[in-house]
Amino acid sequence: MKIKKTLVAATALVLAAGLGLSGCGSNGGGKTEKTADGKVKITMWHGFSEADGKTLEKLVKDFNKSQNKYEIDAQLQPWSTIGETMVTKITSGDGPDIVTTGADNGEGWSIDGTFQCVSDFYSDAKYGTKNYIPNVVKQITFKIDGKEEKCGVPMGYAPTAVWYNTKMWQAAGLTENDYPKTWDELLETAKKLTIPGKQYGMALSDSGWASFLKGNGSGVYTTDGKVSINTPENKAFLEKMRDFYKGGYSLKGMDDTKARESFESGQSAMVIVGPWEDQAATDKHIDHDLFPVPDGNGTYVYPDGTKGSNTGSTGLYWWVTSQVKDSPKKQGIYDFMKFYNDKENQITWSLGSAYPPNNTQVQASDLQSRPLIAKIAKNTDHSYIAIAGLKGGFGDIAATVDALSNNTVRKDTDISQLLTTAEGKIKGYLNEYSTD
């Protein structure tokens, strides 16, 4: 499939012609700036503003001090606008050289030439990519012009888990032997943890259900781009979840932030979220532990052939922008990505940011001061980016899925009608971004 020229993609494609952008890099050099002391200046954009941001800043400073050829200028940008601003700036040659964003948008930007692929980075043994977690690399392996390319480098890949209040768990007479192994068992566990009028069993957001629709149903669309949302499997799952909320086992009307607040205030016994919950729950004095998000009995088949996973992920990667081309900046960026993902620096990153390590050489003993980060890292191999494989339209499709789950939980609209509406919209978005 080829992308149609939508608002953002069109801007990149039209203006890229004069810049010689290519999905997989290009010959010739980009504009190279140097610092006062003669180092090649590399501009980095990221959106980390808390402990993770401080940890990243430390790693950038360490890299700058480790050699005398390159100087990375790390610039904080709002997550909400980093992509749109990046595309506009790159088309004028004044954007970042390396940027952090998700794999969900990364595929489209790799195809349209905003990012240049980095397969040569992976093919050179000196960069140590053999130590990267294979499942993380699979998420940024795309087909571009009929050829398989690796287009991003692991930055912050975070699987979800079920976090639980250990005091509430024990008060309900539960032990580690009671960790649910299926989605239905998870819902039953939430019922056991519910105390009407006092405590909810689980703080479950009614947004971001693409992973759950894959794990328990037929997903939103298949890996070959066919809409799969309006099915008996999805209908049965949504009916089950409507009954769950009506039973009072989770508060209705929560997004991810509200769900976390419910857990961190002691209102709810469980929540499904990424590894950053460890620090948040600690700060709120909530005794906590975690277990994997249990599989469902869904029919959706993931790209690796497996079924049933409800474990989503936040998949952030390093992307080299097309303005770099083959300029001297490229080598500096490659050296930084090697530096960032080596064992010692991944230990620093994990302990400081709460993201699991990208390097398989890091052992649980290396993270002993944050044992729950080591524990959640075991989920990485079985986690998937919820809305992936798109050439465009990520935000529109995500919003459509959110509307489906919101209306399932908050209203009594016929679920078949909701699925039909969602199917029509998603089919339209997929067609809009395709010429097939």
Protein backbone atom coordinates (compact mmCIF):
# COMPACT_ATOMS: atom_id res chain seq x y z
CA MET A 1 0.00 0.00 0.00
CA LYS A 2 1.10 3.57 -0.61
CA ILE A 3 0.20 6.57 1.48
CA LYS A 4 -2.10 9.19 0.09
CA LYS A 5 -1.02 12.78 0.58
CA THR A 6 -2.80 13.69 3.78
CA LEU A 7 -2.18 16.95 5.65
CA VAL A 8 1.07 16.07 7.39
CA ALA A 9 2.33 13.47 4.94
CA ALA A 10 1.64 15.77 2.00
CA THR A 11 3.75 18.54 3.47
CA ALA A 12 6.65 16.14 3.96
CA LEU A 13 6.35 14.61 0.50
CA VAL A 14 6.00 17.81 -1.45
CA LEU A 15 8.81 19.70 0.24
CA ALA A 16 10.98 16.61 0.53
CA ALA A 17 11.56 16.62 -3.19
CA GLY A 18 13.91 19.56 -2.88
CA LEU A 19 15.71 18.00 0.06
CA GLY A 20 16.27 14.59 -1.47
CA LEU A 21 14.45 12.74 1.32
CA SER A 22 14.38 8.97 1.13
CA GLY A 23 12.79 6.35 3.36
CA CYS A 24 16.11 4.57 3.69
CA GLY A 25 18.65 7.37 3.60
CA SER A 26 20.35 9.09 0.68
CA ASN A 27 23.73 9.98 -0.67
CA GLY A 28 25.25 13.36 -0.15
CA GLY A 29 25.70 15.35 3.01
CA GLY A 30 23.24 17.37 5.04
CA LYS A 31 24.04 20.70 6.62
CA THR A 32 26.69 20.19 9.31
CA GLU A 33 27.05 22.66 12.14
CA LYS A 34 29.99 22.72 14.53
CA THR A 35 30.40 23.93 18.06
CA ALA A 36 32.95 26.57 19.07
CA ASP A 37 35.45 23.84 19.93
CA GLY A 38 35.02 22.09 16.58
CA LYS A 39 32.65 19.28 17.47
CA VAL A 40 29.91 18.24 15.05
CA LYS A 41 26.64 19.47 16.53
CA ILE A 42 23.72 17.01 16.65
CA THR A 43 20.24 18.21 17.60
CA MET A 44 18.08 15.78 19.58
CA TRP A 45 14.37 16.13 20.36
CA HIS A 46 12.62 14.22 23.16
CA GLY A 47 9.59 14.68 25.41
CA PHE A 48 10.85 13.41 28.77
CA SER A 49 10.30 15.99 31.49
CA GLU A 50 10.47 14.10 34.80
CA ALA A 51 12.93 11.58 36.29
CA ASP A 52 13.25 9.94 32.88
CA GLY A 53 14.25 13.30 31.40
CA LYS A 54 16.94 13.85 34.01
CA THR A 55 18.30 10.37 33.35
CA LEU A 56 18.40 10.98 29.62
CA GLU A 57 20.15 14.31 30.14
CA LYS A 58 22.79 12.52 32.21
CA LEU A 59 23.38 9.95 29.48
CA VAL A 60 23.68 12.66 26.84
CA LYS A 61 26.21 14.55 28.97
CA ASP A 62 28.15 11.34 29.57
CA PHE A 63 28.26 10.68 25.84
CA ASN A 64 29.43 14.21 25.08
CA LYS A 65 32.23 13.81 27.61
CA SER A 66 33.18 10.34 26.34
CA GLN A 67 34.56 11.56 23.01
CA ASN A 68 35.67 14.80 21.32
CA LYS A 69 34.04 14.56 17.88
CA TYR A 70 30.35 15.14 18.55
CA GLU A 71 28.17 17.32 20.77
CA ILE A 72 24.51 16.36 21.23
CA ASP A 73 22.13 19.20 22.05
CA ALA A 74 19.14 17.54 23.75
CA GLN A 75 16.01 19.68 23.48
CA LEU A 76 12.74 19.06 25.34
CA GLN A 77 9.59 19.19 23.19
CA PRO A 78 5.95 18.55 24.19
CA TRP A 79 4.84 15.02 23.35
CA SER A 80 1.57 16.42 22.03
CA THR A 81 3.21 18.40 19.23
CA ILE A 82 6.65 16.87 18.75
CA GLY A 83 5.65 14.98 15.59
CA GLU A 84 3.83 17.76 13.76
CA THR A 85 6.53 20.29 14.60
CA MET A 86 9.26 17.86 13.56
CA VAL A 87 7.79 17.29 10.10
CA THR A 88 7.44 21.01 9.45
CA LYS A 89 10.99 21.74 10.60
CA ILE A 90 12.57 18.86 8.68
CA THR A 91 11.05 19.97 5.42
CA SER A 92 12.89 23.27 5.83
CA GLY A 93 16.10 21.55 6.93
CA ASP A 94 15.88 23.08 10.40
CA GLY A 95 14.55 20.11 12.36
CA PRO A 96 16.12 17.63 14.77
CA ASP A 97 18.73 15.14 13.61
CA ILE A 98 17.57 12.46 16.02
CA VAL A 99 14.16 12.30 17.65
CA THR A 100 12.24 10.07 20.04
CA THR A 101 8.71 9.08 19.09
CA GLY A 102 6.56 5.97 18.92
CA ALA A 103 6.64 3.12 16.45
CA ASP A 104 2.92 3.66 15.84
CA ASN A 105 3.71 6.84 13.87
CA GLY A 106 7.21 5.78 12.88
CA GLU A 107 6.21 3.50 10.03
CA GLY A 108 4.42 6.21 8.07
CA TRP A 109 7.24 8.67 8.61
CA SER A 110 9.78 6.05 7.49
CA ILE A 111 7.82 5.41 4.31
CA ASP A 112 7.23 9.04 3.40
CA GLY A 113 10.88 9.98 3.91
CA THR A 114 10.72 11.94 7.14
CA PHE A 115 12.94 9.29 8.76
CA GLN A 116 15.83 7.48 7.12
CA CYS A 117 16.07 3.79 7.92
CA VAL A 118 19.02 2.40 9.84
CA SER A 119 19.40 -1.15 8.56
CA ASP A 120 23.13 -0.48 8.10
CA PHE A 121 23.35 0.20 11.86
CA TYR A 122 21.92 -3.25 12.59
CA SER A 123 24.10 -5.01 10.02
CA ASP A 124 27.36 -3.74 11.55
CA ALA A 125 28.38 -5.96 14.49
CA LYS A 126 30.34 -3.17 16.17
CA TYR A 127 27.09 -1.52 17.31
CA GLY A 128 26.08 -4.48 19.47
CA THR A 129 22.52 -4.80 18.16
CA LYS A 130 22.64 -8.59 18.63
CA ASN A 131 21.97 -7.82 22.30
CA TYR A 132 18.69 -5.99 21.58
CA ILE A 133 15.45 -7.74 22.56
CA PRO A 134 14.17 -9.34 19.32
CA ASN A 135 10.51 -8.49 19.92
CA VAL A 136 11.38 -4.81 20.37
CA VAL A 137 13.27 -4.78 17.06
CA LYS A 138 10.38 -6.52 15.28
CA GLN A 139 8.11 -3.58 16.07
CA ILE A 140 10.18 -1.25 13.85
CA THR A 141 10.94 -3.68 11.03
CA PHE A 142 8.92 -2.38 8.09
CA LYS A 143 8.50 -3.19 4.41
CA ILE A 144 9.49 -0.16 2.38
CA ASP A 145 9.42 -0.27 -1.41
CA GLY A 146 9.15 -4.05 -1.18
CA LYS A 147 12.25 -4.41 0.98
CA GLU A 148 12.41 -5.22 4.69
CA GLU A 149 14.10 -2.41 6.60
CA LYS A 150 14.86 -1.64 10.23
CA CYS A 151 13.99 2.00 10.76
CA GLY A 152 14.34 2.77 14.47
CA VAL A 153 16.58 1.91 17.43
CA PRO A 154 15.17 0.96 20.88
CA MET A 155 14.84 3.90 23.24
CA GLY A 156 12.09 3.29 25.83
CA TYR A 157 9.99 0.17 25.34
CA ALA A 158 7.54 -0.35 28.20
CA PRO A 159 5.10 -3.27 28.48
CA THR A 160 1.99 -3.01 30.61
CA ALA A 161 1.30 -5.09 33.71
CA VAL A 162 -1.40 -5.49 36.32
CA TRP A 163 -0.34 -3.55 39.41
CA TYR A 164 -2.10 -4.45 42.65
CA ASN A 165 -2.37 -3.11 46.18
CA THR A 166 -0.71 -5.82 48.28
CA LYS A 167 -2.63 -4.93 51.46
CA MET A 168 -5.97 -5.20 49.67
CA TRP A 169 -4.82 -8.40 48.00
CA GLN A 170 -3.91 -9.99 51.32
CA ALA A 171 -7.10 -8.74 52.99
CA ALA A 172 -9.08 -10.60 50.32
CA GLY A 173 -7.21 -13.79 51.21
CA LEU A 174 -5.25 -13.84 47.95
CA THR A 175 -1.64 -14.94 47.44
CA GLU A 176 0.74 -15.14 44.50
CA ASN A 177 -0.82 -18.50 43.70
CA ASP A 178 -3.99 -16.60 42.84
CA TYR A 179 -2.47 -14.57 40.04
CA PRO A 180 -5.02 -14.88 37.20
CA LYS A 181 -3.90 -16.77 34.12
CA THR A 182 -6.75 -15.69 31.82
CA TRP A 183 -8.69 -12.48 31.23
CA ASP A 184 -11.84 -14.04 32.66
CA GLU A 185 -9.91 -14.96 35.80
CA LEU A 186 -8.71 -11.36 36.05
CA LEU A 187 -12.30 -10.12 36.03
CA GLU A 188 -13.23 -12.68 38.69
CA THR A 189 -10.28 -11.55 40.82
CA ALA A 190 -11.49 -7.95 40.53
CA LYS A 191 -14.87 -9.08 41.82
CA LYS A 192 -13.23 -10.69 44.85
CA LEU A 193 -11.37 -7.47 45.57
CA THR A 194 -14.45 -5.28 45.34
CA ILE A 195 -16.06 -4.01 48.55
CA PRO A 196 -19.30 -2.23 47.56
CA GLY A 197 -19.33 1.39 48.64
CA LYS A 198 -15.71 1.25 49.77
CA GLN A 199 -13.35 -0.28 47.21
CA TYR A 200 -13.29 -1.12 43.50
CA GLY A 201 -11.59 -4.32 42.38
CA MET A 202 -9.87 -2.67 39.44
CA ALA A 203 -9.39 0.83 38.06
CA LEU A 204 -9.87 0.05 34.38
CA SER A 205 -9.74 2.90 31.90
CA ASP A 206 -12.40 2.72 29.20
CA SER A 207 -9.95 4.08 26.63
CA GLY A 208 -7.03 2.40 24.86
CA TRP A 209 -8.68 -0.96 24.35
CA ALA A 210 -7.03 -1.89 21.04
CA SER A 211 -4.78 -4.40 22.85
CA PHE A 212 -7.74 -5.90 24.71
CA LEU A 213 -9.73 -6.26 21.48
CA LYS A 214 -6.79 -8.20 20.05
CA GLY A 215 -6.29 -10.35 23.13
CA ASN A 216 -9.96 -11.14 23.69
CA GLY A 217 -11.53 -10.66 20.27
CA SER A 218 -10.63 -10.23 16.62
CA GLY A 219 -8.78 -6.94 16.88
CA VAL A 220 -9.42 -3.73 14.96
CA TYR A 221 -7.80 -4.64 11.65
CA THR A 222 -5.62 -7.54 10.55
CA THR A 223 -1.92 -7.43 9.77
CA ASP A 224 -2.75 -7.31 6.05
CA GLY A 225 -4.94 -4.23 6.52
CA LYS A 226 -8.44 -5.73 6.53
CA VAL A 227 -10.98 -4.32 9.01
CA SER A 228 -11.81 -6.93 11.65
CA ILE A 229 -13.62 -4.94 14.32
CA ASN A 230 -17.26 -5.85 13.64
CA THR A 231 -17.25 -9.52 14.65
CA PRO A 232 -19.06 -11.85 17.07
CA GLU A 233 -15.83 -12.19 19.08
CA ASN A 234 -15.53 -8.45 19.67
CA LYS A 235 -19.23 -8.15 20.44
CA ALA A 236 -19.01 -10.89 23.07
CA PHE A 237 -16.01 -9.22 24.69
CA LEU A 238 -17.66 -5.80 24.82
CA GLU A 239 -20.86 -7.26 26.27
CA LYS A 240 -18.80 -8.98 28.96
CA MET A 241 -17.04 -5.73 29.81
CA ARG A 242 -20.30 -3.76 29.91
CA ASP A 243 -21.62 -6.26 32.46
CA PHE A 244 -18.39 -5.95 34.45
CA TYR A 245 -18.74 -2.18 34.82
CA LYS A 246 -22.46 -2.43 35.53
CA GLY A 247 -21.61 -4.82 38.36
CA GLY A 248 -19.67 -2.02 40.04
CA TYR A 249 -16.25 -3.70 39.91
CA SER A 250 -14.62 -0.67 38.28
CA LEU A 251 -15.52 3.00 38.30
CA LYS A 252 -16.91 4.16 34.96
CA GLY A 253 -15.69 7.03 32.83
CA MET A 254 -11.96 6.94 33.55
CA ASP A 255 -9.11 7.60 31.16
CA ASP A 256 -5.63 6.28 31.98
CA THR A 257 -4.81 9.22 34.24
CA LYS A 258 -8.00 8.87 36.27
CA ALA A 259 -7.51 5.12 36.54
CA ARG A 260 -4.03 5.62 37.96
CA GLU A 261 -5.32 8.22 40.39
CA SER A 262 -7.97 5.77 41.59
CA PHE A 263 -5.31 3.14 42.27
CA GLU A 264 -2.83 5.56 43.82
CA SER A 265 -5.48 6.99 46.16
CA GLY A 266 -6.41 3.55 47.48
CA GLN A 267 -9.84 3.64 45.84
CA SER A 268 -9.10 0.63 43.61
CA ALA A 269 -7.15 -2.57 44.18
CA MET A 270 -5.67 -3.05 40.69
CA VAL A 271 -4.73 -1.05 37.60
CA ILE A 272 -3.23 -1.93 34.20
CA VAL A 273 -0.40 0.44 33.30
CA GLY A 274 3.29 0.62 32.41
CA PRO A 275 6.37 0.50 34.68
CA TRP A 276 6.18 4.13 35.76
CA GLU A 277 3.47 3.06 38.21
CA ASP A 278 6.20 1.73 40.50
CA GLN A 279 7.46 5.19 41.39
CA ALA A 280 4.00 6.77 41.42
CA ALA A 281 2.59 4.18 43.82
CA THR A 282 5.69 4.47 46.01
CA ASP A 283 5.30 8.25 46.18
CA LYS A 284 1.66 7.80 47.25
CA HIS A 285 2.64 5.22 49.90
CA ILE A 286 0.71 2.41 48.22
CA ASP A 287 2.24 -1.01 48.90
CA HIS A 288 2.23 -2.70 45.52
CA ASP A 289 3.37 -5.55 43.31
CA LEU A 290 2.58 -6.70 39.79
CA PHE A 291 1.79 -9.68 37.60
CA PRO A 292 1.50 -10.06 33.79
CA VAL A 293 -1.67 -8.96 32.02
CA PRO A 294 -3.31 -12.36 31.43
CA ASP A 295 -4.05 -13.63 27.95
CA GLY A 296 -7.53 -13.84 26.50
CA ASN A 297 -9.07 -16.29 24.05
CA GLY A 298 -9.03 -13.90 21.09
CA THR A 299 -8.81 -14.94 17.46
CA TYR A 300 -6.56 -12.07 16.35
CA VAL A 301 -3.20 -13.34 15.07
CA TYR A 302 -0.17 -11.17 15.85
CA PRO A 303 2.59 -10.80 13.24
CA ASP A 304 4.65 -13.47 15.01
CA GLY A 305 1.79 -15.96 14.79
CA THR A 306 0.70 -15.86 18.44
CA LYS A 307 -2.78 -15.16 19.81
CA GLY A 308 -4.33 -13.90 23.01
CA SER A 309 -1.88 -11.29 24.30
CA ASN A 310 -3.51 -8.40 26.16
CA THR A 311 -0.13 -6.89 26.99
CA GLY A 312 0.25 -3.56 25.27
CA SER A 313 3.33 -1.39 25.24
CA THR A 314 4.59 2.13 24.92
CA GLY A 315 7.16 1.72 22.17
CA LEU A 316 9.49 4.70 21.93
CA TYR A 317 12.49 4.56 19.60
CA TRP A 318 15.34 6.68 18.32
CA TRP A 319 14.72 7.81 14.73
CA VAL A 320 17.28 9.45 12.43
CA THR A 321 15.65 12.20 10.40
CA SER A 322 16.16 12.51 6.67
CA GLN A 323 17.96 15.83 6.91
CA VAL A 324 20.98 13.93 8.27
CA LYS A 325 21.54 11.96 5.05
CA ASP A 326 25.15 10.70 4.99
CA SER A 327 26.61 13.77 6.66
CA PRO A 328 29.16 13.50 9.51
CA LYS A 329 26.22 13.70 11.91
CA LYS A 330 25.15 10.19 10.97
CA GLN A 331 28.24 8.56 12.47
CA GLY A 332 27.83 10.59 15.64
CA ILE A 333 24.22 9.50 15.97
CA TYR A 334 25.17 5.86 15.43
CA ASP A 335 27.89 6.17 18.07
CA PHE A 336 25.36 7.65 20.50
CA MET A 337 22.78 4.92 19.89
CA LYS A 338 25.45 2.30 20.55
CA PHE A 339 26.48 4.15 23.71
CA TYR A 340 22.89 4.55 24.91
CA ASN A 341 22.01 0.89 24.51
CA ASP A 342 25.14 -0.70 25.96
CA LYS A 343 24.76 -2.69 29.16
CA GLU A 344 25.97 -0.14 31.70
CA ASN A 345 24.01 2.76 30.26
CA GLN A 346 20.86 0.67 30.01
CA ILE A 347 21.20 -0.11 33.71
CA THR A 348 21.45 3.64 34.36
CA TRP A 349 18.45 4.30 32.11
CA SER A 350 16.25 1.62 33.72
CA LEU A 351 17.03 2.57 37.29
CA GLY A 352 16.50 6.25 36.60
CA SER A 353 13.49 6.13 34.27
CA ALA A 354 11.63 2.94 35.30
CA TYR A 355 11.68 1.72 31.69
CA PRO A 356 12.89 -1.88 31.33
CA PRO A 357 16.28 -2.30 29.65
CA ASN A 358 16.63 -2.77 25.89
CA ASN A 359 19.81 -4.84 26.26
CA THR A 360 19.51 -8.57 27.02
CA GLN A 361 22.84 -8.46 28.87
CA VAL A 362 21.18 -6.60 31.76
CA GLN A 363 20.21 -9.08 34.46
CA ALA A 364 17.67 -8.83 37.27
CA SER A 365 20.58 -8.56 39.73
CA ASP A 366 21.68 -5.37 37.95
CA LEU A 367 18.30 -3.81 38.80
CA GLN A 368 18.06 -5.04 42.38
CA SER A 369 17.30 -1.57 43.71
CA ARG A 370 14.15 -1.59 41.53
CA PRO A 371 13.07 -5.25 41.49
CA LEU A 372 9.63 -4.55 39.99
CA ILE A 373 11.25 -3.04 36.89
CA ALA A 374 13.17 -6.28 36.44
CA LYS A 375 9.91 -8.15 36.99
CA ILE A 376 7.92 -6.22 34.39
CA ALA A 377 10.78 -6.61 31.91
CA LYS A 378 9.81 -10.28 31.63
CA ASN A 379 6.64 -9.14 29.83
CA THR A 380 8.51 -7.44 26.98
CA ASP A 381 8.68 -10.52 24.75
CA HIS A 382 4.90 -10.93 24.92
CA SER A 383 3.93 -7.29 24.46
CA TYR A 384 2.81 -5.49 21.34
CA ILE A 385 2.15 -1.94 20.20
CA ALA A 386 -1.63 -1.63 20.23
CA ILE A 387 -2.22 0.22 16.95
CA ALA A 388 0.63 -0.66 14.61
CA GLY A 389 1.40 -1.37 10.97
CA LEU A 390 -0.29 1.79 9.72
CA LYS A 391 0.93 4.05 6.94
CA GLY A 392 -1.17 6.85 8.40
CA GLY A 393 -4.36 7.59 10.33
CA PHE A 394 -3.12 6.36 13.71
CA GLY A 395 -4.82 9.15 15.69
CA ASP A 396 -8.14 8.79 13.85
CA ILE A 397 -8.30 5.04 14.38
CA ALA A 398 -7.28 5.33 18.03
CA ALA A 399 -10.05 7.90 18.59
CA THR A 400 -12.58 5.61 16.92
CA VAL A 401 -11.63 2.69 19.15
CA ASP A 402 -11.84 4.97 22.20
CA ALA A 403 -15.33 6.08 21.18
CA LEU A 404 -16.36 2.43 20.88
CA SER A 405 -15.12 1.50 24.35
CA ASN A 406 -16.35 4.76 25.94
CA ASN A 407 -19.86 4.18 24.61
CA THR A 408 -19.79 0.53 25.60
CA VAL A 409 -19.08 1.45 29.21
CA ARG A 410 -20.89 4.75 29.66
CA LYS A 411 -24.04 4.24 27.58
CA ASP A 412 -26.59 1.56 26.78
CA THR A 413 -26.35 1.90 23.00
CA ASP A 414 -26.69 -1.43 21.20
CA ILE A 415 -23.18 -2.87 20.84
CA SER A 416 -23.85 -4.18 17.34
CA GLN A 417 -24.67 -0.62 16.32
CA LEU A 418 -21.48 0.69 17.93
CA LEU A 419 -19.39 -1.90 16.08
CA THR A 420 -21.04 -1.09 12.76
CA THR A 421 -20.28 2.60 13.22
CA ALA A 422 -16.66 1.89 14.18
CA GLU A 423 -16.25 -0.46 11.22
CA GLY A 424 -17.38 2.18 8.75
CA LYS A 425 -15.06 4.82 10.15
CA ILE A 426 -12.00 2.57 10.33
CA LYS A 427 -12.58 1.25 6.83
CA GLY A 428 -12.72 4.83 5.63
CA TYR A 429 -9.46 5.76 7.37
CA LEU A 430 -7.63 2.71 6.02
CA ASN A 431 -8.88 3.51 2.51
CA GLU A 432 -7.89 7.16 2.90
CA TYR A 433 -4.29 6.24 3.59
CA SER A 434 -4.13 3.64 0.84
CA THR A 435 -4.37 3.61 -2.92
CA ASP A 436 -5.12 -0.12 -3.07
